[in-house]
N, C-alpha and C. Protein backbone atom coordinates (compact mmCIF):
# COMPACT_ATOMS: atom_id res chain seq x y z
N MET A 1 0.86 -1.22 0.01
CA MET A 1 0.01 0.03 0.01
C MET A 1 0.90 1.24 -0.01
N ASN A 2 0.71 2.16 -0.93
CA ASN A 2 1.57 3.33 -1.04
C ASN A 2 1.29 4.25 0.06
N ASN A 3 2.24 5.31 0.06
CA ASN A 3 2.23 6.42 1.19
C ASN A 3 0.97 7.18 1.04
N PRO A 4 0.53 7.64 -0.22
CA PRO A 4 -0.66 8.53 -0.28
C PRO A 4 -1.95 7.71 0.27
N LEU A 5 -2.00 6.41 0.03
CA LEU A 5 -3.26 5.65 0.43
C LEU A 5 -3.07 5.61 2.01
N ARG A 6 -1.90 5.36 2.56
CA ARG A 6 -1.75 5.34 4.00
C ARG A 6 -2.33 6.64 4.65
N LEU A 7 -1.98 7.80 4.05
CA LEU A 7 -2.42 9.09 4.53
C LEU A 7 -3.99 9.22 4.49
N VAL A 8 -4.51 8.65 3.51
CA VAL A 8 -5.98 8.75 3.28
C VAL A 8 -6.64 7.86 4.40
N ILE A 9 -6.12 6.65 4.66
CA ILE A 9 -6.58 5.75 5.56
C ILE A 9 -6.44 6.33 7.01
N ASP A 10 -5.32 6.95 7.26
CA ASP A 10 -5.08 7.62 8.59
C ASP A 10 -6.14 8.74 8.87
N ALA A 11 -6.37 9.46 7.75
CA ALA A 11 -7.33 10.67 7.99
C ALA A 11 -8.73 10.13 8.28
N VAL A 12 -9.16 9.09 7.35
CA VAL A 12 -10.54 8.60 7.51
C VAL A 12 -10.67 7.91 8.80
N LEU A 13 -9.68 7.11 9.21
CA LEU A 13 -9.68 6.40 10.63
C LEU A 13 -9.91 7.40 11.66
N ALA A 14 -9.14 8.45 11.63
CA ALA A 14 -9.15 9.39 12.76
C ALA A 14 -10.41 10.13 12.82
N ILE A 15 -10.93 10.49 11.75
CA ILE A 15 -12.28 11.32 11.86
C ILE A 15 -13.40 10.41 12.29
N ALA A 16 -13.43 9.11 11.82
CA ALA A 16 -14.50 8.28 12.05
C ALA A 16 -14.50 8.00 13.53
N ILE A 17 -13.46 7.78 14.15
CA ILE A 17 -13.36 7.24 15.56
C ILE A 17 -13.65 8.56 16.42
N LEU A 18 -13.17 9.75 16.06
CA LEU A 18 -13.35 10.92 16.83
C LEU A 18 -14.79 11.28 16.85
N VAL A 19 -15.54 11.14 15.76
CA VAL A 19 -16.96 11.41 15.65
C VAL A 19 -17.75 10.43 16.42
N LEU A 20 -17.44 9.07 16.37
CA LEU A 20 -18.10 8.10 17.08
C LEU A 20 -18.08 8.38 18.54
N PHE A 21 -16.84 8.62 19.15
CA PHE A 21 -16.69 8.84 20.53
C PHE A 21 -17.28 10.13 21.02
N TYR A 22 -17.19 11.06 20.14
CA TYR A 22 -17.77 12.43 20.51
C TYR A 22 -19.22 12.38 20.72
N LEU A 23 -19.87 11.73 19.84
CA LEU A 23 -21.34 11.69 19.83
C LEU A 23 -21.80 10.74 20.98
N HIS A 24 -21.04 9.78 21.30
CA HIS A 24 -21.45 8.81 22.31
C HIS A 24 -21.20 9.32 23.74
N PHE A 25 -20.08 10.10 23.95
CA PHE A 25 -19.78 10.45 25.29
C PHE A 25 -20.06 12.02 25.54
N ALA A 26 -20.14 12.80 24.58
CA ALA A 26 -20.25 14.20 24.75
C ALA A 26 -21.55 14.64 25.32
N THR A 27 -22.60 13.80 25.06
CA THR A 27 -24.01 14.27 25.68
C THR A 27 -24.03 14.06 27.16
N PRO A 28 -24.32 15.10 27.88
CA PRO A 28 -24.40 14.84 29.41
C PRO A 28 -25.37 13.97 29.72
N LYS A 29 -24.95 13.11 30.73
CA LYS A 29 -25.83 12.06 31.34
C LYS A 29 -26.67 12.63 32.50
N ALA A 30 -27.86 12.20 32.59
CA ALA A 30 -28.63 12.66 33.68
C ALA A 30 -28.30 12.09 35.07
N ALA A 31 -28.19 12.98 36.08
CA ALA A 31 -27.84 12.53 37.34
C ALA A 31 -28.82 11.52 37.90
N VAL A 32 -28.33 10.49 38.61
CA VAL A 32 -29.12 9.46 39.19
C VAL A 32 -29.66 9.92 40.53
N PRO A 33 -30.91 9.95 40.72
CA PRO A 33 -31.49 10.39 41.99
C PRO A 33 -31.21 9.49 43.04
N ALA A 34 -31.00 9.98 44.35
CA ALA A 34 -30.67 9.06 45.49
C ALA A 34 -32.11 8.68 45.95
N ALA A 35 -32.10 7.58 46.87
CA ALA A 35 -33.39 7.06 47.44
C ALA A 35 -34.20 8.15 48.10
N GLN A 36 -35.38 8.25 47.76
CA GLN A 36 -36.31 9.18 48.24
C GLN A 36 -37.27 8.57 49.31
N THR A 37 -37.58 9.45 50.27
CA THR A 37 -38.50 8.95 51.32
C THR A 37 -39.82 9.85 51.26
N VAL A 38 -40.84 9.27 51.44
CA VAL A 38 -42.12 10.06 51.49
C VAL A 38 -42.82 9.81 52.82
N MET A 39 -43.17 10.90 53.41
CA MET A 39 -43.83 10.85 54.73
C MET A 39 -45.29 10.74 54.52
N VAL A 40 -45.93 9.72 54.99
CA VAL A 40 -47.40 9.57 54.87
C VAL A 40 -48.14 9.78 56.26
N LYS A 41 -48.93 10.75 56.35
CA LYS A 41 -49.71 10.89 57.69
C LYS A 41 -51.08 10.30 57.65
N GLU A 42 -51.28 9.58 58.66
CA GLU A 42 -52.68 8.89 58.85
C GLU A 42 -53.49 9.79 59.69
N ALA A 43 -54.79 10.07 59.39
CA ALA A 43 -55.60 10.94 60.00
C ALA A 43 -56.04 10.40 61.44
N ALA A 44 -56.01 9.03 61.63
CA ALA A 44 -56.55 8.46 62.83
C ALA A 44 -55.71 8.64 63.93
N ASP A 45 -54.42 8.41 63.96
CA ASP A 45 -53.46 8.48 65.03
C ASP A 45 -52.32 9.39 64.77
N SER A 46 -52.32 10.16 63.65
CA SER A 46 -51.19 11.12 63.30
C SER A 46 -49.94 10.46 63.33
N THR A 47 -49.84 9.08 63.16
CA THR A 47 -48.54 8.44 62.98
C THR A 47 -47.98 8.51 61.68
N ALA A 48 -46.63 8.79 61.65
CA ALA A 48 -46.05 9.04 60.36
C ALA A 48 -45.47 7.66 59.91
N GLU A 49 -45.61 7.30 58.69
CA GLU A 49 -45.01 6.13 58.04
C GLU A 49 -44.06 6.47 56.84
N VAL A 50 -42.99 5.72 56.77
CA VAL A 50 -42.06 6.18 55.80
C VAL A 50 -42.09 5.10 54.66
N ALA A 51 -42.29 5.54 53.43
CA ALA A 51 -42.29 4.63 52.26
C ALA A 51 -41.05 4.98 51.52
N THR A 52 -40.31 3.94 51.20
CA THR A 52 -39.03 4.14 50.62
C THR A 52 -39.22 3.81 49.01
N VAL A 53 -38.69 4.79 48.24
CA VAL A 53 -38.64 4.62 46.78
C VAL A 53 -37.35 4.22 46.31
N ALA A 54 -37.22 2.98 45.62
CA ALA A 54 -35.90 2.47 45.16
C ALA A 54 -35.23 3.41 44.14
N PRO A 55 -33.90 3.62 44.25
CA PRO A 55 -33.20 4.38 43.32
C PRO A 55 -33.23 3.85 41.94
N ALA A 56 -33.15 4.72 40.87
CA ALA A 56 -33.17 4.26 39.46
C ALA A 56 -31.91 3.41 39.23
N PRO A 57 -31.90 2.50 38.29
CA PRO A 57 -30.58 1.69 38.04
C PRO A 57 -29.53 2.66 37.67
N VAL A 58 -28.33 2.36 38.05
CA VAL A 58 -27.18 3.19 37.75
C VAL A 58 -26.68 2.89 36.28
N VAL A 59 -26.50 3.92 35.53
CA VAL A 59 -26.10 3.73 34.20
C VAL A 59 -24.61 4.03 34.07
N ALA A 60 -23.83 3.08 33.47
CA ALA A 60 -22.37 3.33 33.50
C ALA A 60 -22.06 4.38 32.48
N VAL A 61 -21.17 5.27 32.91
CA VAL A 61 -20.70 6.37 32.03
C VAL A 61 -19.21 6.37 32.02
N ALA A 62 -18.58 6.90 30.98
CA ALA A 62 -17.16 6.94 30.86
C ALA A 62 -16.48 7.81 31.83
N ASP A 63 -15.39 7.52 32.36
CA ASP A 63 -14.56 8.30 33.25
C ASP A 63 -14.15 9.50 32.36
N THR A 64 -14.47 10.74 32.81
CA THR A 64 -14.21 11.91 31.98
C THR A 64 -12.71 12.26 31.91
N ASN A 65 -11.91 11.62 32.75
CA ASN A 65 -10.45 11.71 32.69
C ASN A 65 -9.77 10.68 31.82
N LYS A 66 -10.49 9.73 31.40
CA LYS A 66 -9.98 8.49 30.79
C LYS A 66 -9.86 8.71 29.28
N VAL A 67 -8.68 9.25 28.76
CA VAL A 67 -8.45 9.42 27.38
C VAL A 67 -7.27 8.67 26.94
N ALA A 68 -7.24 8.19 25.73
CA ALA A 68 -6.01 7.47 25.19
C ALA A 68 -5.92 7.62 23.74
N TYR A 69 -4.87 7.11 23.16
CA TYR A 69 -4.67 7.12 21.65
C TYR A 69 -4.19 5.79 21.28
N VAL A 70 -4.25 5.69 19.87
CA VAL A 70 -3.67 4.43 19.21
C VAL A 70 -2.93 4.96 18.08
N GLU A 71 -1.86 4.23 17.67
CA GLU A 71 -0.95 4.68 16.52
C GLU A 71 -1.59 3.82 15.25
N SER A 72 -2.06 4.62 14.31
CA SER A 72 -2.80 4.00 13.13
C SER A 72 -1.90 3.11 12.40
N GLY A 73 -0.64 3.40 12.24
CA GLY A 73 0.26 2.57 11.48
C GLY A 73 0.52 1.21 11.99
N LYS A 74 0.75 1.17 13.35
CA LYS A 74 0.83 -0.17 14.01
C LYS A 74 -0.53 -0.89 14.04
N LEU A 75 -1.58 -0.14 14.18
CA LEU A 75 -2.91 -0.82 14.20
C LEU A 75 -3.22 -1.47 12.93
N LEU A 76 -3.00 -0.71 11.81
CA LEU A 76 -3.34 -1.33 10.43
C LEU A 76 -2.39 -2.46 10.13
N ASP A 77 -1.11 -2.21 10.27
CA ASP A 77 -0.16 -3.31 9.84
C ASP A 77 -0.22 -4.60 10.74
N GLY A 78 -0.66 -4.43 12.11
CA GLY A 78 -0.71 -5.66 12.94
C GLY A 78 -2.14 -6.23 12.90
N TYR A 79 -3.17 -5.57 12.26
CA TYR A 79 -4.46 -6.21 12.29
C TYR A 79 -4.52 -7.34 11.31
N LYS A 80 -4.96 -8.48 11.77
CA LYS A 80 -4.99 -9.69 10.99
C LYS A 80 -5.99 -9.49 9.85
N GLY A 81 -7.16 -8.72 10.09
CA GLY A 81 -8.24 -8.48 9.09
C GLY A 81 -7.48 -7.72 7.90
N MET A 82 -6.72 -6.71 8.19
CA MET A 82 -6.04 -5.94 7.19
C MET A 82 -5.03 -6.77 6.47
N GLN A 83 -4.34 -7.71 7.03
CA GLN A 83 -3.31 -8.56 6.42
C GLN A 83 -4.04 -9.42 5.58
N ALA A 84 -5.16 -10.12 5.95
CA ALA A 84 -5.91 -11.01 5.05
C ALA A 84 -6.44 -10.25 3.82
N ALA A 85 -6.94 -9.00 4.08
CA ALA A 85 -7.51 -8.16 2.93
C ALA A 85 -6.46 -7.88 1.94
N ARG A 86 -5.27 -7.51 2.35
CA ARG A 86 -4.15 -7.19 1.53
C ARG A 86 -3.71 -8.46 0.79
N THR A 87 -3.70 -9.62 1.34
CA THR A 87 -3.26 -10.84 0.65
C THR A 87 -4.22 -11.16 -0.45
N ALA A 88 -5.52 -10.92 -0.21
CA ALA A 88 -6.51 -11.24 -1.24
C ALA A 88 -6.46 -10.16 -2.34
N PHE A 89 -6.16 -8.94 -1.99
CA PHE A 89 -6.00 -7.91 -3.00
C PHE A 89 -4.84 -8.16 -3.81
N GLU A 90 -3.80 -8.54 -3.28
CA GLU A 90 -2.56 -8.70 -4.10
C GLU A 90 -2.66 -9.97 -5.04
N ALA A 91 -3.57 -10.94 -4.64
CA ALA A 91 -3.79 -12.03 -5.57
C ALA A 91 -4.57 -11.59 -6.68
N LYS A 92 -5.59 -10.68 -6.55
CA LYS A 92 -6.29 -10.16 -7.69
C LYS A 92 -5.34 -9.10 -8.57
N ALA A 93 -4.50 -8.46 -7.84
CA ALA A 93 -3.68 -7.49 -8.51
C ALA A 93 -2.69 -8.24 -9.56
N LYS A 94 -2.34 -9.48 -9.25
CA LYS A 94 -1.36 -10.26 -10.05
C LYS A 94 -2.23 -10.68 -11.30
N GLY A 95 -3.50 -10.93 -11.10
CA GLY A 95 -4.36 -11.30 -12.24
C GLY A 95 -4.50 -10.08 -13.20
N TRP A 96 -4.76 -8.94 -12.72
CA TRP A 96 -4.83 -7.69 -13.54
C TRP A 96 -3.50 -7.37 -14.16
N GLU A 97 -2.39 -7.71 -13.52
CA GLU A 97 -1.06 -7.41 -14.08
C GLU A 97 -0.78 -8.28 -15.27
N GLN A 98 -1.27 -9.62 -15.13
CA GLN A 98 -1.13 -10.58 -16.21
C GLN A 98 -1.86 -10.06 -17.41
N GLN A 99 -3.08 -9.61 -17.16
CA GLN A 99 -4.00 -9.10 -18.33
C GLN A 99 -3.26 -7.96 -18.96
N ASN A 100 -2.71 -6.98 -18.16
CA ASN A 100 -2.02 -5.82 -18.73
C ASN A 100 -0.85 -6.31 -19.59
N ASN A 101 0.03 -7.19 -19.03
CA ASN A 101 1.11 -7.71 -19.86
C ASN A 101 0.75 -8.39 -21.17
N SER A 102 -0.34 -9.01 -21.14
CA SER A 102 -0.83 -9.75 -22.26
C SER A 102 -1.23 -8.63 -23.30
N LEU A 103 -1.84 -7.56 -22.96
CA LEU A 103 -2.28 -6.49 -23.94
C LEU A 103 -0.87 -5.89 -24.54
N ILE A 104 0.06 -5.76 -23.71
CA ILE A 104 1.30 -5.08 -24.12
C ILE A 104 2.00 -5.98 -25.23
N ARG A 105 2.05 -7.25 -24.77
CA ARG A 105 2.72 -8.24 -25.64
C ARG A 105 2.06 -8.46 -26.99
N GLY A 106 0.77 -8.38 -26.99
CA GLY A 106 0.00 -8.47 -28.16
C GLY A 106 0.27 -7.40 -29.06
N PHE A 107 0.31 -6.21 -28.58
CA PHE A 107 0.57 -4.98 -29.41
C PHE A 107 2.03 -5.03 -30.04
N GLN A 108 2.93 -5.31 -29.08
CA GLN A 108 4.42 -5.41 -29.53
C GLN A 108 4.65 -6.54 -30.59
N THR A 109 3.92 -7.54 -30.50
CA THR A 109 4.05 -8.53 -31.54
C THR A 109 3.49 -8.04 -32.88
N ALA A 110 2.28 -7.50 -32.82
CA ALA A 110 1.75 -6.96 -33.93
C ALA A 110 2.61 -5.88 -34.70
N VAL A 111 3.31 -5.06 -33.96
CA VAL A 111 4.23 -3.99 -34.50
C VAL A 111 5.40 -4.74 -35.07
N GLN A 112 6.01 -5.81 -34.40
CA GLN A 112 7.18 -6.33 -34.88
C GLN A 112 6.86 -7.11 -36.26
N GLN A 113 5.73 -7.69 -36.39
CA GLN A 113 5.32 -8.35 -37.58
C GLN A 113 5.21 -7.34 -38.72
N TYR A 114 4.60 -6.19 -38.44
CA TYR A 114 4.50 -5.11 -39.43
C TYR A 114 5.87 -4.71 -39.96
N GLN A 115 6.80 -4.46 -38.98
CA GLN A 115 8.05 -3.96 -39.33
C GLN A 115 8.84 -4.92 -40.16
N LYS A 116 8.66 -6.29 -40.05
CA LYS A 116 9.23 -7.35 -40.80
C LYS A 116 8.74 -7.30 -42.30
N GLN A 117 7.39 -6.95 -42.39
CA GLN A 117 6.61 -7.05 -43.63
C GLN A 117 6.55 -5.79 -44.44
N ALA A 118 6.89 -4.73 -43.75
CA ALA A 118 6.69 -3.41 -44.33
C ALA A 118 7.26 -3.19 -45.70
N GLU A 119 8.49 -3.63 -45.91
CA GLU A 119 9.08 -3.33 -47.30
C GLU A 119 8.45 -4.06 -48.30
N SER A 120 7.88 -5.15 -48.01
CA SER A 120 7.24 -5.93 -49.13
C SER A 120 5.70 -5.48 -49.35
N LEU A 121 5.26 -4.61 -48.57
CA LEU A 121 3.80 -4.08 -48.66
C LEU A 121 3.68 -2.98 -49.53
N THR A 122 2.60 -2.85 -50.22
CA THR A 122 2.27 -1.66 -51.07
C THR A 122 1.97 -0.47 -50.10
N PRO A 123 2.10 0.73 -50.64
CA PRO A 123 1.63 1.83 -49.83
C PRO A 123 0.24 1.69 -49.18
N GLU A 124 -0.70 1.27 -49.96
CA GLU A 124 -1.95 1.02 -49.50
C GLU A 124 -2.08 0.03 -48.33
N GLN A 125 -1.30 -1.04 -48.54
CA GLN A 125 -1.20 -2.19 -47.44
C GLN A 125 -0.66 -1.69 -46.22
N ARG A 126 0.43 -0.84 -46.43
CA ARG A 126 1.12 -0.20 -45.22
C ARG A 126 0.29 0.70 -44.39
N ALA A 127 -0.58 1.56 -45.20
CA ALA A 127 -1.53 2.51 -44.51
C ALA A 127 -2.57 1.68 -43.76
N ALA A 128 -3.13 0.67 -44.46
CA ALA A 128 -4.22 -0.11 -43.77
C ALA A 128 -3.59 -0.69 -42.63
N THR A 129 -2.44 -1.34 -42.53
CA THR A 129 -1.84 -2.05 -41.42
C THR A 129 -1.64 -1.02 -40.32
N GLU A 130 -1.06 0.11 -40.66
CA GLU A 130 -0.69 1.12 -39.64
C GLU A 130 -2.08 1.55 -38.96
N GLN A 131 -3.09 1.71 -39.72
CA GLN A 131 -4.27 2.10 -39.20
C GLN A 131 -4.94 0.98 -38.22
N LYS A 132 -4.70 -0.15 -38.58
CA LYS A 132 -5.09 -1.36 -37.58
C LYS A 132 -4.28 -1.25 -36.30
N LEU A 133 -2.97 -0.89 -36.50
CA LEU A 133 -2.12 -0.92 -35.38
C LEU A 133 -2.55 0.23 -34.39
N GLN A 134 -2.94 1.42 -35.05
CA GLN A 134 -3.33 2.49 -34.21
C GLN A 134 -4.62 2.21 -33.43
N ALA A 135 -5.43 1.39 -34.05
CA ALA A 135 -6.74 1.08 -33.43
C ALA A 135 -6.45 0.11 -32.35
N GLN A 136 -5.56 -0.90 -32.57
CA GLN A 136 -5.22 -1.86 -31.57
C GLN A 136 -4.46 -1.17 -30.33
N GLN A 137 -3.62 -0.23 -30.62
CA GLN A 137 -3.08 0.59 -29.56
C GLN A 137 -3.97 1.36 -28.68
N GLN A 138 -5.06 1.84 -29.34
CA GLN A 138 -6.08 2.59 -28.64
C GLN A 138 -6.92 1.55 -27.81
N GLN A 139 -7.27 0.43 -28.34
CA GLN A 139 -8.01 -0.55 -27.60
C GLN A 139 -7.30 -1.03 -26.32
N ALA A 140 -5.96 -1.22 -26.57
CA ALA A 140 -5.10 -1.63 -25.42
C ALA A 140 -5.09 -0.62 -24.36
N GLY A 141 -4.96 0.67 -24.75
CA GLY A 141 -4.90 1.72 -23.70
C GLY A 141 -6.24 1.79 -22.99
N GLN A 142 -7.37 1.64 -23.68
CA GLN A 142 -8.51 1.66 -22.89
C GLN A 142 -8.80 0.50 -21.94
N ALA A 143 -8.26 -0.64 -22.36
CA ALA A 143 -8.33 -1.78 -21.52
C ALA A 143 -7.43 -1.60 -20.28
N GLN A 144 -6.21 -1.00 -20.51
CA GLN A 144 -5.34 -0.71 -19.43
C GLN A 144 -6.17 0.27 -18.40
N GLU A 145 -6.66 1.24 -18.87
CA GLU A 145 -7.36 2.22 -17.98
C GLU A 145 -8.43 1.59 -17.19
N LYS A 146 -9.18 0.58 -17.90
CA LYS A 146 -10.17 -0.11 -17.15
C LYS A 146 -9.70 -0.88 -16.00
N LEU A 147 -8.57 -1.59 -16.27
CA LEU A 147 -7.95 -2.47 -15.29
C LEU A 147 -7.49 -1.59 -14.06
N GLN A 148 -6.90 -0.38 -14.44
CA GLN A 148 -6.47 0.51 -13.41
C GLN A 148 -7.61 0.93 -12.41
N ARG A 149 -8.77 1.32 -13.16
CA ARG A 149 -9.90 1.79 -12.36
C ARG A 149 -10.32 0.64 -11.44
N GLN A 150 -10.40 -0.56 -12.06
CA GLN A 150 -10.94 -1.70 -11.29
C GLN A 150 -9.98 -1.95 -10.11
N ALA A 151 -8.76 -1.94 -10.29
CA ALA A 151 -7.81 -1.99 -9.23
C ALA A 151 -7.91 -0.91 -8.09
N GLN A 152 -8.15 0.22 -8.43
CA GLN A 152 -8.41 1.38 -7.50
C GLN A 152 -9.67 1.23 -6.73
N GLU A 153 -10.74 0.83 -7.53
CA GLU A 153 -11.94 0.63 -6.87
C GLU A 153 -11.97 -0.59 -5.83
N GLU A 154 -11.37 -1.62 -6.23
CA GLU A 154 -11.32 -2.74 -5.36
C GLU A 154 -10.47 -2.46 -4.07
N GLU A 155 -9.35 -1.78 -4.28
CA GLU A 155 -8.48 -1.33 -3.10
C GLU A 155 -9.38 -0.41 -2.17
N ALA A 156 -9.99 0.55 -2.74
CA ALA A 156 -10.75 1.41 -1.91
C ALA A 156 -11.83 0.67 -1.12
N LYS A 157 -12.58 -0.23 -1.76
CA LYS A 157 -13.60 -1.01 -1.15
C LYS A 157 -13.03 -1.92 -0.07
N MET A 158 -11.92 -2.48 -0.37
CA MET A 158 -11.30 -3.40 0.55
C MET A 158 -10.86 -2.57 1.88
N THR A 159 -10.25 -1.36 1.65
CA THR A 159 -9.91 -0.54 2.74
C THR A 159 -11.10 -0.03 3.64
N GLN A 160 -12.20 0.37 2.91
CA GLN A 160 -13.33 0.89 3.65
C GLN A 160 -13.97 -0.19 4.50
N GLN A 161 -13.90 -1.46 4.05
CA GLN A 161 -14.56 -2.51 4.75
C GLN A 161 -13.67 -2.82 6.08
N VAL A 162 -12.44 -2.86 5.96
CA VAL A 162 -11.49 -2.92 7.02
C VAL A 162 -11.64 -1.89 8.07
N LEU A 163 -11.68 -0.66 7.65
CA LEU A 163 -11.80 0.48 8.44
C LEU A 163 -13.11 0.54 9.19
N GLU A 164 -14.17 0.14 8.62
CA GLU A 164 -15.45 0.00 9.21
C GLU A 164 -15.47 -0.92 10.42
N ARG A 165 -14.74 -2.15 10.10
CA ARG A 165 -14.62 -3.13 11.15
C ARG A 165 -13.91 -2.55 12.42
N ILE A 166 -12.69 -1.85 12.05
CA ILE A 166 -11.83 -1.38 12.99
C ILE A 166 -12.58 -0.38 13.83
N ASN A 167 -13.38 0.60 13.16
CA ASN A 167 -14.11 1.56 13.90
C ASN A 167 -15.03 0.96 14.90
N LYS A 168 -15.81 -0.07 14.46
CA LYS A 168 -16.79 -0.68 15.45
C LYS A 168 -16.12 -1.36 16.44
N GLN A 169 -14.99 -1.99 16.32
CA GLN A 169 -14.25 -2.66 17.43
C GLN A 169 -13.62 -1.78 18.36
N VAL A 170 -13.00 -0.58 17.83
CA VAL A 170 -12.43 0.30 18.81
C VAL A 170 -13.58 1.06 19.54
N GLU A 171 -14.74 1.36 19.09
CA GLU A 171 -15.77 1.83 19.79
C GLU A 171 -16.26 0.84 20.92
N LYS A 172 -16.37 -0.40 20.52
CA LYS A 172 -16.74 -1.40 21.53
C LYS A 172 -15.79 -1.53 22.60
N TYR A 173 -14.50 -1.42 22.24
CA TYR A 173 -13.36 -1.53 23.31
C TYR A 173 -13.46 -0.26 24.22
N GLY A 174 -13.62 0.95 23.61
CA GLY A 174 -13.74 2.13 24.46
C GLY A 174 -14.88 2.07 25.40
N LYS A 175 -15.97 1.68 24.96
CA LYS A 175 -17.23 1.60 25.82
C LYS A 175 -17.07 0.54 26.98
N ALA A 176 -16.43 -0.59 26.49
CA ALA A 176 -16.24 -1.56 27.59
C ALA A 176 -15.18 -1.16 28.68
N ASN A 177 -14.38 -0.41 28.22
CA ASN A 177 -13.26 0.08 29.16
C ASN A 177 -13.33 1.46 29.71
N GLY A 178 -14.50 2.01 29.41
CA GLY A 178 -14.72 3.33 30.09
C GLY A 178 -14.06 4.53 29.55
N TYR A 179 -13.68 4.47 28.35
CA TYR A 179 -12.91 5.67 27.79
C TYR A 179 -13.79 6.76 27.37
N LYS A 180 -13.45 7.97 27.70
CA LYS A 180 -14.12 9.14 27.28
C LYS A 180 -13.83 9.46 25.76
N LEU A 181 -12.58 9.18 25.42
CA LEU A 181 -12.17 9.59 23.94
C LEU A 181 -10.84 8.61 23.70
N ILE A 182 -10.82 8.07 22.49
CA ILE A 182 -9.69 7.47 21.98
C ILE A 182 -9.37 8.20 20.67
N LEU A 183 -8.18 8.65 20.56
CA LEU A 183 -7.61 9.39 19.49
C LEU A 183 -6.65 8.56 18.66
N ILE A 184 -6.47 9.05 17.47
CA ILE A 184 -5.66 8.37 16.46
C ILE A 184 -4.37 9.24 16.27
N ALA A 185 -3.25 8.49 16.45
CA ALA A 185 -1.92 9.19 16.30
C ALA A 185 -1.35 8.78 14.83
N ALA A 186 -1.46 9.55 13.87
CA ALA A 186 -1.07 9.26 12.42
C ALA A 186 0.09 9.91 11.99
N PRO A 187 0.89 9.37 11.12
CA PRO A 187 2.04 9.95 10.54
C PRO A 187 1.86 11.43 9.99
N SER A 188 0.62 11.66 9.51
CA SER A 188 0.34 13.01 8.95
C SER A 188 0.26 13.99 9.99
N GLY A 189 0.38 13.61 11.38
CA GLY A 189 0.41 14.72 12.39
C GLY A 189 -0.81 14.99 13.08
N THR A 190 -1.86 14.01 13.12
CA THR A 190 -3.09 14.20 13.84
C THR A 190 -2.85 14.64 15.31
N ILE A 191 -1.82 13.83 15.93
CA ILE A 191 -1.50 14.12 17.37
C ILE A 191 0.06 14.42 17.20
N ALA A 192 0.35 15.80 17.82
CA ALA A 192 1.74 16.06 17.80
C ALA A 192 2.56 15.33 18.93
N TYR A 193 1.87 15.17 20.07
CA TYR A 193 2.54 14.45 21.29
C TYR A 193 1.50 13.72 22.01
N GLY A 194 1.96 12.55 22.63
CA GLY A 194 1.00 11.86 23.49
C GLY A 194 1.95 11.05 24.38
N ARG A 195 1.67 11.01 25.70
CA ARG A 195 2.43 10.29 26.63
C ARG A 195 2.21 8.75 26.35
N LYS A 196 3.21 8.06 26.52
CA LYS A 196 3.28 6.67 26.26
C LYS A 196 2.40 5.82 27.14
N ASP A 197 2.06 6.41 28.43
CA ASP A 197 1.25 5.60 29.23
C ASP A 197 -0.26 5.66 28.94
N ILE A 198 -0.57 6.44 27.88
CA ILE A 198 -1.93 6.56 27.48
C ILE A 198 -2.05 5.95 26.09
N ASP A 199 -1.02 5.32 25.67
CA ASP A 199 -0.81 4.77 24.28
C ASP A 199 -1.40 3.33 24.46
N ILE A 200 -2.68 2.91 23.99
CA ILE A 200 -3.29 1.56 24.06
C ILE A 200 -3.29 0.93 22.83
N THR A 201 -2.37 1.17 21.89
CA THR A 201 -2.32 0.59 20.62
C THR A 201 -2.26 -1.01 20.85
N THR A 202 -1.45 -1.48 21.71
CA THR A 202 -1.22 -2.91 21.86
C THR A 202 -2.46 -3.56 22.41
N ARG A 203 -3.16 -3.01 23.35
CA ARG A 203 -4.26 -3.61 23.88
C ARG A 203 -5.42 -3.48 22.88
N VAL A 204 -5.62 -2.46 22.11
CA VAL A 204 -6.68 -2.42 21.15
C VAL A 204 -6.49 -3.43 19.98
N LEU A 205 -5.07 -3.52 19.56
CA LEU A 205 -4.75 -4.36 18.47
C LEU A 205 -5.13 -5.89 18.95
N LYS A 206 -4.84 -6.19 20.22
CA LYS A 206 -5.13 -7.58 20.74
C LYS A 206 -6.59 -7.90 20.62
N HIS A 207 -7.40 -6.74 20.98
CA HIS A 207 -8.98 -6.86 21.02
C HIS A 207 -9.36 -7.05 19.53
N LEU A 208 -8.79 -6.33 18.65
CA LEU A 208 -9.11 -6.51 17.19
C LEU A 208 -8.79 -7.97 16.72
N ASN A 209 -7.61 -8.42 16.95
CA ASN A 209 -7.25 -9.76 16.48
C ASN A 209 -7.99 -10.91 17.20
N ASP A 210 -8.21 -10.68 18.49
CA ASP A 210 -9.14 -11.69 19.09
C ASP A 210 -10.42 -11.79 18.48
N GLU A 211 -11.00 -10.63 18.21
CA GLU A 211 -12.36 -10.52 17.64
C GLU A 211 -12.32 -11.10 16.16
N TYR A 212 -11.24 -10.84 15.47
CA TYR A 212 -11.15 -11.38 14.03
C TYR A 212 -10.94 -12.79 14.09
N SER A 213 -10.16 -13.43 14.97
CA SER A 213 -9.86 -14.91 15.07
C SER A 213 -11.15 -15.59 15.46
N ALA A 214 -12.02 -14.93 16.24
CA ALA A 214 -13.22 -15.52 16.83
C ALA A 214 -14.36 -15.62 15.71
N ARG A 215 -14.22 -14.85 14.79
CA ARG A 215 -15.13 -14.89 13.64
C ARG A 215 -14.84 -15.87 12.52
N LYS A 216 -13.64 -16.36 12.52
CA LYS A 216 -13.16 -17.26 11.44
C LYS A 216 -13.65 -18.75 11.80
């Protein structure tokens, strides 16, 4: 995967996770009322009775001080789901490369045959052959562009699918472990500095790979 693609992945991953966690944790949670007592007076003997109202269930919220970050490069390179996706993509890429090479060889062979026969051809025959070669070259170029678009679309689709899985699992990990926010440290400079004690890349990567292995 080339460097420009890595920068795109870093940016998309950072924005997606920041939005997910901001939306989930930024909304203030309603305070949980303590147990309430109600005094009930009876008219007959003016004796007060106390009725206890049970408190509402406690809803777990994130610790507002619990913030961490992960390194996108290590996360993507170490994630088994990304490794499997890259392997599958590389297998397809080899097939596209073979098709491209076949187009090039076919055109080169046609040109070489024309060069061998050119002297024995009439001007009309040479003109007709050259016209056919130009048409073949144009067709080969169009086929190459189609293969290139197909490769780019397939790579983008593969990357998006992996990022969606990562986003969901990072969100799941963050909720389960009470994080207010999980940031992305990317080579593009999303985070300029972060203390190593809040770097949870290894723990999140383990969670991702455990979840991936369990799905297989």
